[in-house]
């Protein structure tokens, strides 16, 4: 697939087929994401691939809002950053998560970013237990790592509408 086709096809998809995602397909996408740039080449991003649908479904309980894509996804990738490796671990992980989503499109998969970092489990209790704390109760997340997001993923025949054309004058300014 050409790069522009990958970009055009990348959309947040929240409905997945029950079909299992082969380990080698997911491994190849993660390998691509490992090539993402990072501050000072710190390579601070870490991934936890979860291919057990029951565990992915359990992950959806990390928040009481915005986690529906996990409830029906056959696989997910937890995107983390080693806080000791870089003070810019969040930025590095965000770049790598984006590359991962583009690589998933190239592999014929759909995905949806589900945010974790700084999100409470209960929307009405923003100072209460955090989503990342819940995930740590049953996932092998290294202590030194912060969790940025979880990428819900799988096969889907759902095709979102194309993005509306942006007004370049509103979104891009040029100085020449």
Protein backbone atom coordinates (compact mmCIF):
# COMPACT_ATOMS: atom_id res chain seq x y z
CA UNK A 1 0.00 0.00 0.00
CA UNK A 2 1.32 3.46 -0.84
CA UNK A 3 1.95 5.85 2.06
CA UNK A 4 -0.84 8.24 1.04
CA UNK A 5 -3.25 5.29 0.87
CA UNK A 6 -2.24 4.24 4.39
CA UNK A 7 -2.85 7.78 5.65
CA UNK A 8 -6.22 7.98 3.90
CA UNK A 9 -7.30 4.60 5.30
CA UNK A 10 -6.27 5.25 8.92
CA UNK A 11 -9.37 5.95 10.99
CA UNK A 12 -10.44 5.10 14.51
CA UNK A 13 -12.50 1.93 14.19
CA UNK A 14 -14.43 0.62 17.18
CA UNK A 15 -16.08 -2.51 15.74
CA UNK A 16 -13.98 -5.60 15.16
CA UNK A 17 -14.54 -9.12 13.88
CA UNK A 18 -13.94 -11.98 16.30
CA UNK A 19 -11.18 -13.24 14.02
CA UNK A 20 -7.83 -13.77 15.73
CA UNK A 21 -4.93 -11.53 14.74
CA UNK A 22 -1.95 -13.75 13.82
CA UNK A 23 1.08 -13.24 16.04
CA UNK A 24 3.42 -12.71 13.07
CA UNK A 25 1.18 -9.98 11.60
CA UNK A 26 1.09 -8.12 14.90
CA UNK A 27 4.82 -8.67 15.46
CA UNK A 28 5.62 -7.11 12.10
CA UNK A 29 3.52 -4.03 12.90
CA UNK A 30 5.22 -3.67 16.30
CA UNK A 31 8.62 -4.06 14.63
CA UNK A 32 7.73 -1.12 12.38
CA UNK A 33 6.73 0.93 15.43
CA UNK A 34 10.07 0.14 17.07
CA UNK A 35 11.67 2.09 14.22
CA UNK A 36 9.89 5.29 15.26
CA UNK A 37 12.11 8.23 16.13
CA UNK A 38 12.68 9.12 19.77
CA UNK A 39 14.29 12.00 21.63
CA UNK A 40 18.07 11.62 21.56
CA UNK A 41 17.52 8.11 20.21
CA UNK A 42 16.55 7.07 23.75
CA UNK A 43 14.32 4.30 22.41
CA UNK A 44 12.21 4.68 25.55
CA UNK A 45 8.98 3.21 24.14
CA UNK A 46 7.91 -0.25 25.27
CA UNK A 47 5.06 -2.42 23.98
CA UNK A 48 2.95 -5.15 25.56
CA UNK A 49 1.06 -7.16 22.94
CA UNK A 50 -2.10 -8.84 24.21
CA UNK A 51 -3.71 -11.43 21.93
CA UNK A 52 -6.02 -13.04 24.48
CA UNK A 53 -9.49 -11.61 23.82
CA UNK A 54 -10.65 -12.21 27.41
CA UNK A 55 -7.73 -10.16 28.75
CA UNK A 56 -8.38 -7.40 26.22
CA UNK A 57 -12.04 -7.35 27.32
CA UNK A 58 -10.90 -7.10 30.96
CA UNK A 59 -8.69 -4.14 30.01
CA UNK A 60 -11.82 -2.27 28.92
CA UNK A 61 -12.79 -1.96 32.59
CA UNK A 62 -9.84 0.41 33.16
CA UNK A 63 -12.27 3.33 32.68
CA UNK A 64 -16.02 3.77 32.82
CA UNK A 65 -15.95 5.83 29.61
CA UNK A 66 -14.23 5.69 26.22
CA UNK A 67 -13.05 2.09 26.30
CA UNK A 68 -15.74 0.44 24.15
CA UNK A 69 -13.23 -0.45 21.38
CA UNK A 70 -11.39 -2.74 23.81
CA UNK A 71 -14.55 -4.59 24.83
CA UNK A 72 -14.90 -6.09 21.35
CA UNK A 73 -11.30 -6.19 20.13
CA UNK A 74 -9.51 -9.52 19.71
CA UNK A 75 -6.10 -7.95 20.43
CA UNK A 76 -4.49 -4.83 21.85
CA UNK A 77 -1.09 -3.26 22.35
CA UNK A 78 -0.24 -1.36 25.52
CA UNK A 79 2.08 1.51 24.59
CA UNK A 80 4.39 2.49 27.43
CA UNK A 81 7.47 4.58 28.02
CA UNK A 82 10.47 4.03 30.25
CA UNK A 83 10.43 7.14 32.44
CA UNK A 84 14.11 6.66 33.39
CA UNK A 85 15.20 6.48 29.74
CA UNK A 86 13.75 9.84 28.73
CA UNK A 87 11.87 12.76 30.23
CA UNK A 88 10.08 12.86 26.86
CA UNK A 89 8.76 9.30 27.12
CA UNK A 90 5.17 10.49 26.48
CA UNK A 91 6.17 12.20 23.24
CA UNK A 92 8.27 9.22 22.15
CA UNK A 93 5.44 6.79 22.93
CA UNK A 94 2.92 8.96 21.04
CA UNK A 95 5.11 8.92 17.94
CA UNK A 96 5.57 5.15 18.19
CA UNK A 97 1.83 4.59 18.77
CA UNK A 98 1.05 6.57 15.62
CA UNK A 99 3.57 4.58 13.60
CA UNK A 100 2.01 1.40 15.02
CA UNK A 101 -1.46 2.46 13.89
CA UNK A 102 -0.17 3.21 10.38
CA UNK A 103 1.63 -0.16 10.26
CA UNK A 104 -1.61 -1.89 11.31
CA UNK A 105 -3.42 -0.25 8.38
CA UNK A 106 -0.68 -1.49 6.06
CA UNK A 107 -1.23 -5.00 7.45
CA UNK A 108 -4.97 -4.87 6.72
CA UNK A 109 -6.02 -4.23 10.31
CA UNK A 110 -8.09 -1.50 11.95
CA UNK A 111 -7.37 0.15 15.28
CA UNK A 112 -8.44 2.70 17.85
CA UNK A 113 -6.30 4.64 20.34
CA UNK A 114 -7.66 4.38 23.91
CA UNK A 115 -5.96 6.89 26.17
CA UNK A 116 -4.62 5.83 29.58
CA UNK A 117 -2.07 8.40 30.80
CA UNK A 118 -3.67 10.73 33.32
CA UNK A 119 -7.15 9.21 32.95
CA UNK A 120 -9.16 8.18 36.01
CA UNK A 121 -11.08 4.90 36.17
CA UNK A 122 -14.23 6.77 37.09
CA UNK A 123 -15.07 9.97 35.22
CA UNK A 124 -16.89 11.35 38.26
CA UNK A 125 -13.80 10.73 40.45
CA UNK A 126 -10.92 12.40 38.59
CA UNK A 127 -8.65 12.25 41.65
CA UNK A 128 -9.45 8.59 42.33
CA UNK A 129 -7.85 5.41 41.01
CA UNK A 130 -6.17 5.88 37.65
CA UNK A 131 -6.66 3.68 34.58
CA UNK A 132 -2.97 2.75 34.54
CA UNK A 133 -3.16 1.57 38.17
CA UNK A 134 -6.00 -0.80 37.26
CA UNK A 135 -4.03 -2.24 34.31
CA UNK A 136 -1.04 -2.86 36.58
CA UNK A 137 -3.17 -5.17 38.76
CA UNK A 138 -3.17 -7.88 36.10
CA UNK A 139 -0.77 -6.94 33.29
CA UNK A 140 3.03 -7.26 33.50
CA UNK A 141 3.73 -3.54 33.19
CA UNK A 142 7.26 -2.70 34.34
CA UNK A 143 7.36 -0.36 37.35
CA UNK A 144 9.66 2.08 35.55
CA UNK A 145 7.17 2.48 32.70
CA UNK A 146 4.33 4.92 32.34
CA UNK A 147 1.37 3.84 30.21
CA UNK A 148 0.38 6.25 27.45
CA UNK A 149 -2.40 4.36 25.68
CA UNK A 150 -3.77 1.04 24.55
CA UNK A 151 -4.28 0.44 20.85
CA UNK A 152 -7.35 -1.76 20.33
CA UNK A 153 -6.99 -3.66 17.07
CA UNK A 154 -8.37 -6.33 14.83
CA UNK A 155 -9.95 -7.05 11.49
CA UNK A 156 -13.07 -5.12 10.56
CA UNK A 157 -15.23 -4.64 7.51
CA UNK A 158 -16.37 -1.27 8.88
CA UNK A 159 -15.31 1.56 6.58
CA UNK A 160 -15.59 5.02 8.14
CA UNK A 161 -16.45 7.96 5.96
CA UNK A 162 -13.49 9.84 4.51
CA UNK A 163 -12.37 12.90 6.40
CA UNK A 164 -13.82 16.15 5.11
CA UNK A 165 -11.42 18.23 3.09
CA UNK A 166 -9.66 20.70 5.34
CA UNK A 167 -9.41 24.35 4.53
CA UNK A 168 -5.66 24.82 4.12
CA UNK A 169 -5.93 28.54 4.91
CA UNK A 170 -7.41 27.66 8.30
CA UNK A 171 -4.99 24.87 9.14
CA UNK A 172 -1.72 25.81 7.45
CA UNK A 173 0.09 29.11 7.26
CA UNK A 174 3.08 29.74 5.03
CA UNK A 175 5.93 32.18 5.40
CA UNK A 176 8.00 32.38 2.26
